[in-house]
Protein backbone atom coordinates (compact mmCIF):
# COMPACT_ATOMS: atom_id res chain seq x y z
CA ASN A 1 0.00 0.00 0.00
CA GLN A 2 0.97 3.67 0.35
CA GLY A 3 2.71 3.63 -3.04
CA GLY A 4 5.26 1.01 -2.04
CA VAL A 5 7.13 -0.94 -4.73
CA TRP A 6 8.82 -4.31 -5.01
CA ASP A 7 12.53 -4.23 -5.84
CA SER A 8 12.93 -7.76 -7.17
CA VAL A 9 16.66 -7.36 -7.77
CA ASN A 10 17.43 -6.50 -4.17
CA ARG A 11 14.34 -8.33 -2.89
CA LYS A 12 13.07 -5.35 -0.95
CA VAL A 13 9.65 -3.78 -0.47
CA LYS A 14 10.24 -0.01 -0.45
CA TRP A 15 8.10 2.97 0.61
CA GLY A 16 8.95 6.67 0.48
CA PRO A 17 10.61 8.93 0.81
CA PHE A 18 7.89 10.80 2.71
CA PHE A 19 8.61 14.49 3.27
CA ASP A 20 6.74 14.90 6.52
CA SER A 21 6.49 13.41 9.98
CA THR A 22 3.07 11.82 9.56
CA ALA A 23 2.64 8.34 11.04
CA ARG A 24 1.73 5.73 8.48
CA THR A 25 0.68 2.04 8.49
CA LEU A 26 2.30 0.15 5.68
CA THR A 27 0.95 -3.29 4.57
CA TYR A 28 1.68 -6.04 2.08
CA THR A 29 1.12 -9.78 1.70
CA VAL A 30 3.48 -12.54 0.73
CA ALA A 31 3.07 -15.82 -1.16
CA GLY A 32 5.45 -18.54 -2.12
CA SER A 33 6.55 -22.05 -1.41
CA PRO A 34 5.03 -23.47 1.73
CA GLY A 35 7.30 -23.00 4.79
CA THR A 36 8.53 -20.54 7.45
CA TYR A 37 10.41 -17.43 6.45
CA THR A 38 12.23 -14.68 8.50
CA LEU A 39 11.67 -11.08 7.58
CA SER A 40 13.89 -8.07 8.39
CA GLY A 41 13.70 -4.40 7.64
CA ALA A 42 14.49 -0.83 8.76
CA GLY A 43 13.35 2.76 8.49
CA SER A 44 15.57 5.71 7.51
CA PHE A 45 14.72 8.97 9.31
CA ASP A 46 16.64 12.01 8.11
CA GLY A 47 19.43 9.52 7.17
CA ALA A 48 19.43 7.65 10.51
CA SER A 49 18.59 3.91 10.25
CA VAL A 50 16.13 2.44 12.73
CA PRO A 51 15.72 -1.42 12.66
CA THR A 52 12.17 -2.79 12.38
CA THR A 53 11.04 -4.58 15.50
CA GLY A 54 8.20 -6.99 16.21
CA ASP A 55 7.25 -10.21 14.39
CA THR A 56 9.82 -11.65 12.07
CA GLN A 57 8.33 -15.02 11.04
CA VAL A 58 5.87 -15.56 8.17
CA VAL A 59 4.42 -19.01 7.46
CA VAL A 60 3.25 -19.86 3.93
CA PRO A 61 0.76 -22.72 4.23
CA PRO A 62 0.55 -25.49 1.64
CA PRO A 63 -2.14 -24.90 -1.03
CA PRO A 64 -5.57 -26.42 -0.37
CA THR A 65 -6.26 -29.88 -1.83
CA PRO A 66 -8.02 -29.38 -5.24
CA SER A 67 -11.51 -30.71 -5.88
CA VAL A 68 -11.50 -34.13 -7.52
CA VAL A 69 -14.16 -36.04 -9.51
CA ALA A 70 -13.13 -39.63 -10.30
CA ARG A 71 -15.14 -42.31 -12.05
CA THR A 72 -14.85 -46.10 -11.71
CA ILE A 73 -16.81 -48.64 -13.73
CA ALA A 74 -17.46 -52.15 -12.44
CA ALA A 75 -19.07 -55.16 -14.13
CA GLY A 76 -19.27 -53.25 -17.38
CA THR A 77 -22.32 -51.13 -16.52
CA ASN A 78 -22.11 -50.11 -12.83
CA VAL A 79 -20.78 -46.55 -12.60
CA THR A 80 -19.41 -44.89 -9.45
CA VAL A 81 -18.39 -41.21 -9.34
CA ALA A 82 -16.33 -40.26 -6.25
CA VAL A 83 -16.48 -36.51 -5.54
CA ALA A 84 -13.98 -34.89 -3.12
CA PRO A 85 -14.45 -31.09 -3.00
CA ALA A 86 -11.71 -28.81 -1.72
CA SER A 87 -12.27 -27.75 1.88
CA THR A 88 -12.96 -24.18 0.79
CA VAL A 89 -15.78 -25.11 -1.60
CA ARG A 90 -19.14 -23.67 -0.70
CA SER A 91 -21.31 -25.40 -3.34
CA TYR A 92 -20.91 -27.85 -6.15
CA ALA A 93 -22.79 -29.96 -8.74
CA VAL A 94 -21.85 -32.98 -10.90
CA GLU A 95 -22.93 -34.10 -14.39
CA GLU A 96 -22.34 -37.28 -16.40
CA ASP A 97 -22.75 -37.22 -20.20
CA LEU A 98 -24.17 -40.41 -21.75
CA PRO A 99 -23.88 -41.16 -25.47
CA ALA A 100 -26.88 -42.16 -27.57
CA GLY A 101 -27.80 -45.78 -27.03
CA LEU A 102 -27.45 -45.71 -23.23
CA THR A 103 -30.08 -45.13 -20.56
CA PRO A 104 -29.30 -44.73 -16.83
CA ALA A 105 -31.08 -46.29 -13.88
CA ASN A 106 -30.67 -46.61 -10.11
CA ILE A 107 -29.38 -43.03 -9.75
CA ASN A 108 -28.54 -42.27 -6.08
CA GLN A 109 -28.15 -39.07 -4.03
CA GLY A 110 -31.22 -37.47 -5.61
CA GLY A 111 -29.69 -37.39 -9.07
CA VAL A 112 -31.94 -37.03 -12.10
CA TRP A 113 -31.80 -38.03 -15.79
CA ASP A 114 -32.03 -35.14 -18.26
CA SER A 115 -33.08 -37.10 -21.35
CA VAL A 116 -33.07 -34.03 -23.60
CA ASN A 117 -29.41 -33.22 -22.95
CA ARG A 118 -28.52 -36.83 -22.12
CA LYS A 119 -27.02 -35.96 -18.74
CA VAL A 120 -27.21 -37.51 -15.28
CA LYS A 121 -27.24 -34.55 -12.86
CA TRP A 122 -26.60 -34.24 -9.12
CA GLY A 123 -26.77 -31.14 -6.95
CA PRO A 124 -26.23 -28.41 -6.28
CA PHE A 125 -24.87 -29.37 -2.86
CA PHE A 126 -24.26 -26.37 -0.56
CA ASP A 127 -21.30 -27.79 1.35
CA SER A 128 -17.88 -29.30 0.78
CA THR A 129 -18.85 -32.82 1.81
CA ALA A 130 -17.36 -35.66 -0.22
CA ARG A 131 -19.98 -37.86 -1.90
CA THR A 132 -20.10 -41.15 -3.79
CA LEU A 133 -22.52 -40.93 -6.69
CA THR A 134 -23.68 -44.09 -8.45
CA TYR A 135 -25.88 -45.23 -11.32
CA THR A 136 -26.17 -48.10 -13.77
CA VAL A 137 -26.54 -48.06 -17.54
CA ALA A 138 -28.32 -50.25 -20.06
CA GLY A 139 -28.82 -50.03 -23.80
CA SER A 140 -27.37 -51.13 -27.08
CA PRO A 141 -24.77 -53.86 -26.69
CA GLY A 142 -21.25 -52.65 -27.26
CA THR A 143 -18.63 -50.28 -25.83
CA HIS A 144 -19.69 -46.71 -25.00
CA THR A 145 -17.61 -43.73 -23.80
CA LEU A 146 -18.70 -41.61 -20.83
CA SER A 147 -17.62 -38.09 -19.96
CA GLY A 148 -18.50 -35.68 -17.21
CA ALA A 149 -17.42 -32.87 -14.90
CA GLY A 150 -18.00 -31.25 -11.54
CA SER A 151 -18.63 -27.55 -10.96
CA PHE A 152 -17.09 -26.24 -7.71
CA ASP A 153 -18.05 -22.67 -6.86
CA GLY A 154 -18.46 -22.18 -10.60
CA ALA A 155 -15.09 -23.71 -11.56
CA SER A 156 -15.35 -26.78 -13.81
CA VAL A 157 -13.28 -29.85 -12.97
CA PRO A 158 -13.31 -32.68 -15.56
CA THR A 159 -14.10 -36.16 -14.33
CA THR A 160 -11.11 -38.49 -14.41
CA GLY A 161 -10.82 -42.28 -14.26
CA ASP A 162 -12.66 -44.96 -16.21
CA THR A 163 -14.51 -43.87 -19.34
CA GLN A 164 -15.63 -47.09 -21.05
CA VAL A 165 -18.84 -48.95 -20.28
CA VAL A 166 -19.45 -52.30 -21.96
CA VAL A 167 -23.06 -53.36 -22.41
CA PRO A 168 -23.10 -57.12 -23.05
CA PRO A 169 -25.51 -58.63 -25.55
CA PRO A 170 -28.59 -60.34 -24.10
CA PRO A 171 -28.34 -64.10 -23.71
CA HIS A 172 -30.86 -64.56 -26.51
CA LEU A 173 -33.34 -62.82 -28.81
CA GLN A 174 -36.86 -63.91 -29.71
CA ILE A 175 -38.52 -64.36 -33.08
CA SER A 176 -42.30 -64.67 -32.88
CA GLY A 177 -45.39 -64.40 -35.03
CA SER A 178 -48.42 -66.29 -36.26
CA VAL A 179 -49.75 -68.18 -39.26
CA HIS A 180 -53.32 -67.61 -40.43
CA THR A 181 -55.31 -68.51 -43.49
CA SER A 182 -56.50 -65.80 -45.84
CA ASP A 183 -59.80 -65.65 -43.94
CA GLU A 184 -57.93 -65.04 -40.64
CA ALA A 185 -58.38 -68.56 -39.29
CA PRO A 186 -55.37 -69.70 -37.18
CA LEU A 187 -53.40 -72.60 -38.62
CA ALA A 188 -51.83 -75.07 -36.19
CA GLY A 189 -49.03 -77.53 -36.87
CA VAL A 190 -47.01 -75.38 -39.27
CA VAL A 191 -43.32 -76.27 -38.90
CA MET A 192 -41.10 -73.17 -38.81
CA ASN A 193 -38.04 -74.65 -40.46
CA GLY A 194 -34.81 -72.75 -39.91
CA LEU A 195 -35.54 -71.71 -36.32
CA PRO A 196 -33.75 -73.57 -33.53
CA GLY A 197 -35.76 -76.66 -32.68
CA SER A 198 -38.07 -76.21 -35.70
CA PRO A 199 -41.04 -75.11 -33.56
CA LYS A 200 -44.66 -75.61 -34.70
CA THR A 201 -47.56 -73.19 -34.52
CA ASP A 202 -50.01 -73.86 -31.70
CA ALA A 203 -53.81 -73.96 -31.74
CA SER A 204 -53.90 -70.16 -32.00
CA GLY A 205 -51.52 -70.23 -34.98
CA SER A 206 -48.73 -68.64 -32.92
CA TYR A 207 -45.06 -69.56 -32.71
CA SER A 208 -41.94 -68.26 -31.00
CA ALA A 209 -38.29 -69.27 -30.78
CA GLN A 210 -35.15 -68.03 -29.09
CA VAL A 211 -32.08 -67.34 -31.19
CA PRO A 212 -28.58 -66.20 -30.20
CA TRP A 213 -27.48 -62.59 -30.42
CA ASP A 214 -26.27 -61.71 -33.94
CA TRP A 215 -28.19 -64.70 -35.34
CA SER A 216 -28.58 -65.11 -39.08
CA GLY A 217 -30.80 -67.58 -40.88
CA THR A 218 -33.87 -68.17 -43.02
CA VAL A 219 -37.25 -69.25 -41.65
CA THR A 220 -39.53 -71.25 -43.93
CA PRO A 221 -43.04 -72.31 -42.83
CA THR A 222 -44.05 -75.79 -43.96
CA LEU A 223 -47.30 -77.73 -43.83
CA ALA A 224 -48.52 -80.27 -46.38
CA ALA A 225 -51.04 -78.95 -48.89
CA TYR A 226 -50.41 -75.27 -48.04
CA ASN A 227 -48.54 -72.41 -49.64
CA PHE A 228 -47.33 -69.45 -47.57
CA THR A 229 -46.94 -65.72 -48.11
CA PRO A 230 -44.19 -64.75 -47.78
CA PRO A 231 -42.68 -68.16 -48.57
CA SER A 232 -39.80 -67.45 -46.15
CA ARG A 233 -38.08 -64.69 -44.15
CA ALA A 234 -34.31 -64.10 -44.04
CA TYR A 235 -32.51 -62.60 -41.04
CA SER A 236 -28.95 -61.31 -40.76
CA GLY A 237 -27.03 -60.30 -37.65
CA LEU A 238 -30.06 -59.84 -35.38
CA THR A 239 -29.63 -57.42 -32.49
CA THR A 240 -33.29 -56.94 -31.49
CA ASP A 241 -36.31 -59.14 -30.90
CA GLN A 242 -38.39 -59.79 -34.00
CA ALA A 243 -42.13 -59.78 -33.26
CA GLY A 244 -45.03 -59.86 -35.68
CA GLN A 245 -43.30 -62.22 -38.11
CA ASP A 246 -46.58 -63.41 -39.60
CA TYR A 247 -47.47 -65.59 -42.59
CA VAL A 248 -50.66 -66.14 -44.59
CA ALA A 249 -51.41 -69.75 -45.56
CA THR A 250 -53.35 -70.67 -48.69
CA ARG A 251 -54.25 -73.94 -50.33
CA PRO A 252 -52.45 -74.48 -53.64
CA SER A 253 -54.54 -74.02 -56.77
CA VAL A 254 -55.79 -77.20 -58.45
CA GLY A 255 -57.85 -77.58 -61.57
CA ILE A 256 -59.87 -79.77 -63.90
CA TRP A 257 -58.78 -79.54 -67.52
CA GLY A 258 -60.01 -81.37 -70.59
CA SER A 259 -61.72 -81.21 -73.97
CA VAL A 260 -64.88 -82.19 -75.79
CA ARG A 261 -64.68 -83.58 -79.31
CA THR A 262 -66.89 -85.52 -81.66
CA SER A 263 -66.17 -89.14 -82.46
CA ALA A 264 -64.45 -87.83 -85.59
CA GLY A 265 -62.14 -85.74 -83.44
CA ALA A 266 -63.69 -82.36 -84.27
CA PRO A 267 -63.61 -79.87 -81.37
CA LEU A 268 -66.99 -78.87 -80.00
CA SER A 269 -67.40 -75.38 -78.53
CA GLY A 270 -70.08 -74.02 -76.23
CA VAL A 271 -70.40 -77.16 -74.14
CA VAL A 272 -71.36 -76.15 -70.60
CA MET A 273 -69.37 -78.07 -67.96
CA ASN A 274 -71.99 -78.28 -65.25
CA GLY A 275 -70.67 -78.95 -61.75
CA LEU A 276 -67.44 -76.99 -62.15
CA PRO A 277 -67.13 -73.57 -60.40
CA GLY A 278 -68.49 -70.91 -62.75
CA GLN A 279 -69.84 -73.55 -65.19
CA PRO A 280 -67.20 -72.89 -67.84
CA GLU A 281 -67.82 -73.58 -71.53
CA THR A 282 -65.54 -75.19 -74.05
CA ASP A 283 -63.75 -72.76 -76.35
CA THR A 284 -63.31 -72.93 -80.12
CA ASN A 285 -60.67 -75.61 -79.60
CA GLY A 286 -63.14 -77.67 -77.61
CA THR A 287 -61.06 -77.27 -74.45
CA TYR A 288 -62.10 -76.21 -70.97
CA LYS A 289 -60.24 -75.34 -67.76
CA ALA A 290 -61.51 -74.64 -64.28
CA ASP A 291 -59.83 -73.95 -60.96
CA VAL A 292 -61.33 -75.78 -58.01
CA PRO A 293 -60.65 -75.47 -54.28
CA PHE A 294 -58.10 -77.78 -52.74
CA ASP A 295 -59.81 -81.00 -51.57
CA TRP A 296 -62.72 -80.28 -53.93
CA SER A 297 -65.28 -82.98 -54.60
CA GLY A 298 -67.99 -82.91 -57.24
CA THR A 299 -69.36 -84.24 -60.49
CA VAL A 300 -68.78 -82.70 -63.92
CA THR A 301 -71.54 -83.15 -66.50
CA PRO A 302 -71.22 -81.68 -70.01
CA ALA A 303 -74.33 -80.28 -71.64
CA LEU A 304 -75.14 -78.94 -75.10
CA ALA A 305 -78.47 -79.08 -76.90
CA ASN A 306 -78.79 -81.97 -79.38
CA TYR A 307 -75.71 -83.75 -78.10
CA SER A 308 -75.04 -86.68 -75.85
CA PHE A 309 -71.67 -87.27 -74.19
CA SER A 310 -69.49 -90.20 -73.26
CA PRO A 311 -68.90 -90.54 -70.44
CA THR A 312 -72.08 -88.80 -69.33
CA SER A 313 -70.19 -87.33 -66.33
CA LEU A 314 -66.97 -87.58 -64.31
CA GLY A 315 -66.89 -87.66 -60.51
CA TYR A 316 -64.10 -86.33 -58.27
CA SER A 317 -63.34 -86.68 -54.56
CA ASP A 318 -60.81 -84.68 -52.49
CA VAL A 319 -58.92 -83.22 -55.44
CA THR A 320 -55.38 -82.27 -54.38
CA ASN A 321 -53.73 -82.07 -57.81
CA THR A 322 -54.67 -80.66 -61.19
CA TRP A 323 -56.44 -83.26 -63.31
CA ILE A 324 -55.71 -83.00 -67.02
CA GLY A 325 -57.08 -85.02 -69.91
CA GLN A 326 -60.62 -85.00 -68.55
CA ASP A 327 -62.09 -85.50 -71.99
CA PHE A 328 -65.56 -86.25 -73.35
CA VAL A 329 -66.78 -87.51 -76.72
CA ALA A 330 -69.89 -85.82 -78.08
CA ALA A 331 -72.51 -87.41 -80.34
CA HIS A 332 -75.35 -85.71 -82.24
CA VAL A 333 -78.79 -86.34 -80.86
CA LEU A 334 -81.91 -86.24 -83.06
CA ALA A 335 -85.11 -85.71 -81.18
CA LEU A 336 -88.74 -85.77 -82.10
CA GLY A 337 -90.85 -83.50 -79.98
CA LEU A 338 -94.50 -83.65 -78.98
CA ILE A 339 -96.82 -85.11 -81.63
CA ARG A 340 -100.40 -83.84 -81.52
CA ARG A 341 -103.42 -84.35 -83.70
CA SER A 342 -105.51 -81.30 -84.38
CA SER A 343 -109.29 -81.26 -84.60
CA GLU A 344 -108.94 -81.29 -88.38
CA GLY A 345 -106.97 -84.55 -88.17
CA THR A 346 -103.58 -83.00 -88.87
CA PHE A 347 -100.57 -84.24 -86.92
CA GLN A 348 -98.24 -81.57 -85.49
CA LEU A 349 -94.71 -82.69 -84.58
CA SER A 350 -91.41 -80.99 -83.72
CA VAL A 351 -87.93 -82.10 -84.70
CA SER A 352 -84.64 -80.93 -83.21
CA GLY A 353 -81.16 -81.61 -84.42
CA PRO A 354 -77.71 -80.02 -84.81
CA PRO A 355 -77.87 -76.75 -86.80
CA GLY A 356 -77.44 -77.30 -90.56
CA ARG A 357 -77.83 -81.05 -90.30
CA ALA A 358 -79.75 -82.59 -93.24
CA LEU A 359 -82.50 -84.86 -91.93
CA LYS A 360 -85.01 -87.18 -93.53
CA LEU A 361 -88.40 -87.51 -91.86
CA GLN A 362 -90.03 -90.89 -92.33
CA ILE A 363 -93.44 -92.39 -91.53
CA SER A 364 -94.63 -95.90 -90.72
CA SER A 365 -97.80 -97.63 -89.68
CA ASP A 366 -96.12 -100.63 -88.08
CA LEU A 367 -92.61 -99.50 -87.02
CA VAL A 368 -91.23 -102.01 -89.51
CA HIS A 369 -91.83 -100.53 -92.88
CA TRP A 370 -90.74 -96.93 -93.28
CA GLN A 371 -91.16 -94.56 -96.13
CA ASP A 372 -89.66 -91.16 -96.75
CA TRP A 373 -92.02 -88.32 -96.02
CA LYS A 374 -89.97 -85.11 -96.00
CA SER A 375 -86.33 -83.89 -96.22
CA VAL A 376 -85.44 -80.98 -93.90
CA VAL A 377 -82.45 -79.12 -92.52
CA ALA A 378 -82.28 -78.76 -88.72
CA THR A 379 -81.98 -75.25 -87.36
CA GLY A 380 -80.72 -76.26 -83.93
CA GLY A 381 -84.07 -75.44 -82.32
CA GLN A 382 -87.50 -77.00 -82.28
CA ASP A 383 -88.65 -77.20 -85.92
CA SER A 384 -92.39 -77.79 -86.38
CA TYR A 385 -94.00 -79.82 -89.19
CA SER A 386 -97.60 -80.78 -90.12
CA ASP A 387 -98.81 -84.04 -91.60
CA ALA A 388 -102.35 -84.73 -92.87
CA PRO A 389 -102.72 -88.55 -93.02
CA PRO A 390 -105.69 -90.28 -94.69
CA ALA A 391 -108.87 -90.09 -92.69
CA ASP A 392 -108.95 -93.86 -92.06
CA THR A 393 -105.44 -93.88 -90.52
CA LYS A 394 -105.58 -95.65 -87.17
CA GLN A 395 -101.92 -95.21 -86.13
CA ARG A 396 -98.94 -93.43 -87.60
CA TYR A 397 -95.29 -93.40 -86.52
CA TYR A 398 -92.59 -90.85 -87.28
CA ARG A 399 -88.83 -90.87 -87.15
CA ALA A 400 -85.93 -88.62 -88.18
CA VAL A 401 -82.67 -89.94 -89.62
CA GLU A 402 -79.54 -88.18 -90.80
CA GLN A 403 -79.02 -88.06 -94.53
C-alpha cells in the first residue's frame, strides 16, 4: 500500500521517501513455497537507520487440496463417481454425459436423468462434503464412452478415471409371429423350419423361438397342402427381438382340364361343364379349364343341346392335384318332340337336331316298314312340321334320320 514498490533485484519492499512526519501504516502480503520465512527491515529517518522490531516469522501454508471427480466402472455397466471437494468449496454440482444408445437407472443421491441433454445430474450441494454418486446403464450392446465434470463454486473440474462402459448382448433374442389362413383362421401344426428346434404353430396359430445374439438364418413355414406368403423370411445379424413375423397360408390351386370332341375328333365349342365352379364352356378348340378349391369334390356333367356325351359325367373326390385329360366324346342327338293331332286330323310334330344337319323324316304304320315323307335341314331349335294322313289312318309313326 501507500505507493510502495517491489525491488525484485534486491528483494526489498520499499516505501517513500515521505517528506513529513506523519505516522503511516504500511501493509503487504506474501506468497510462495510453503514453509517458514524470517523477515527483516528498517526505516531511515533524516538519514538515521532504525531497525524494524516486532514479528519476524511468516508461514506460507501449503495450497488447499483441489476438488477431484473420479469415475470407476465395475461389471461393465455399474458406474461410481467419487467426488472430493476442496475444503474451501461452498457449493458444487456434478454431471455425467451419456452417449446415444445408453439409458441410466438406479441413480442415487437425488440425481436425475435429463433425457433431452442426455445428462445424469446431481446437486447443487451447498457444502464441501465428499460424496459417492452411483448409477447403472443399459442399452445397445457394445462399448460406450462416458464423460463428465464437476462444478465447484463455478469452476469446472473434468471427471477423471474410467470412461468405457461395456453393455453385453442379451443371452438370446426372440422371433415370434403367427400363421393364419387368408380368412384369418389360425393354422396349427405349421413347422417353422430354420428356427432352432423347428417349432410348430399352436392352436392359435402362434409360434416363438429363441435365437442367439447376432443370429442369421432363413425361416420357412411348412405344412402339407399349403402355400405361404411370404414363402420365407431371411434374417442377418439380429440385435433386437423380431415380433409380428406373420405368414398367410393358402391352399395351392388345383384344376380340372379337358376337352370335348366328336367321335371324328372335331372340337366342340359351347359345351357347358356343369358342376365346375363358374360352369365354364368349351372354347373354339373344344377345351375347358376350371380352378377348383383344394380338396374339392364334385361331379362334372357336359351339356349342349342336341348332343349326348361319353362318359355322361366324371366324378371327383378330395382333389389335391390338377387333373388333365378329362375328356368327353360328343354325339349328335336327333329328337322328335310332342306329336299332336288337331281337330282337323292333322298331326303336329317338332324335330330338333344339330344346326345345318340334313334330316329325312319318315313315316310308318307298323314301325317295320318306313317310307320317306320329307327332307329338312335342322336349325338347332325346335322345328315344327304338319302331316295330314288319310282319314282312315288308325296309327302313324314318325322318325328322323340323318341323310
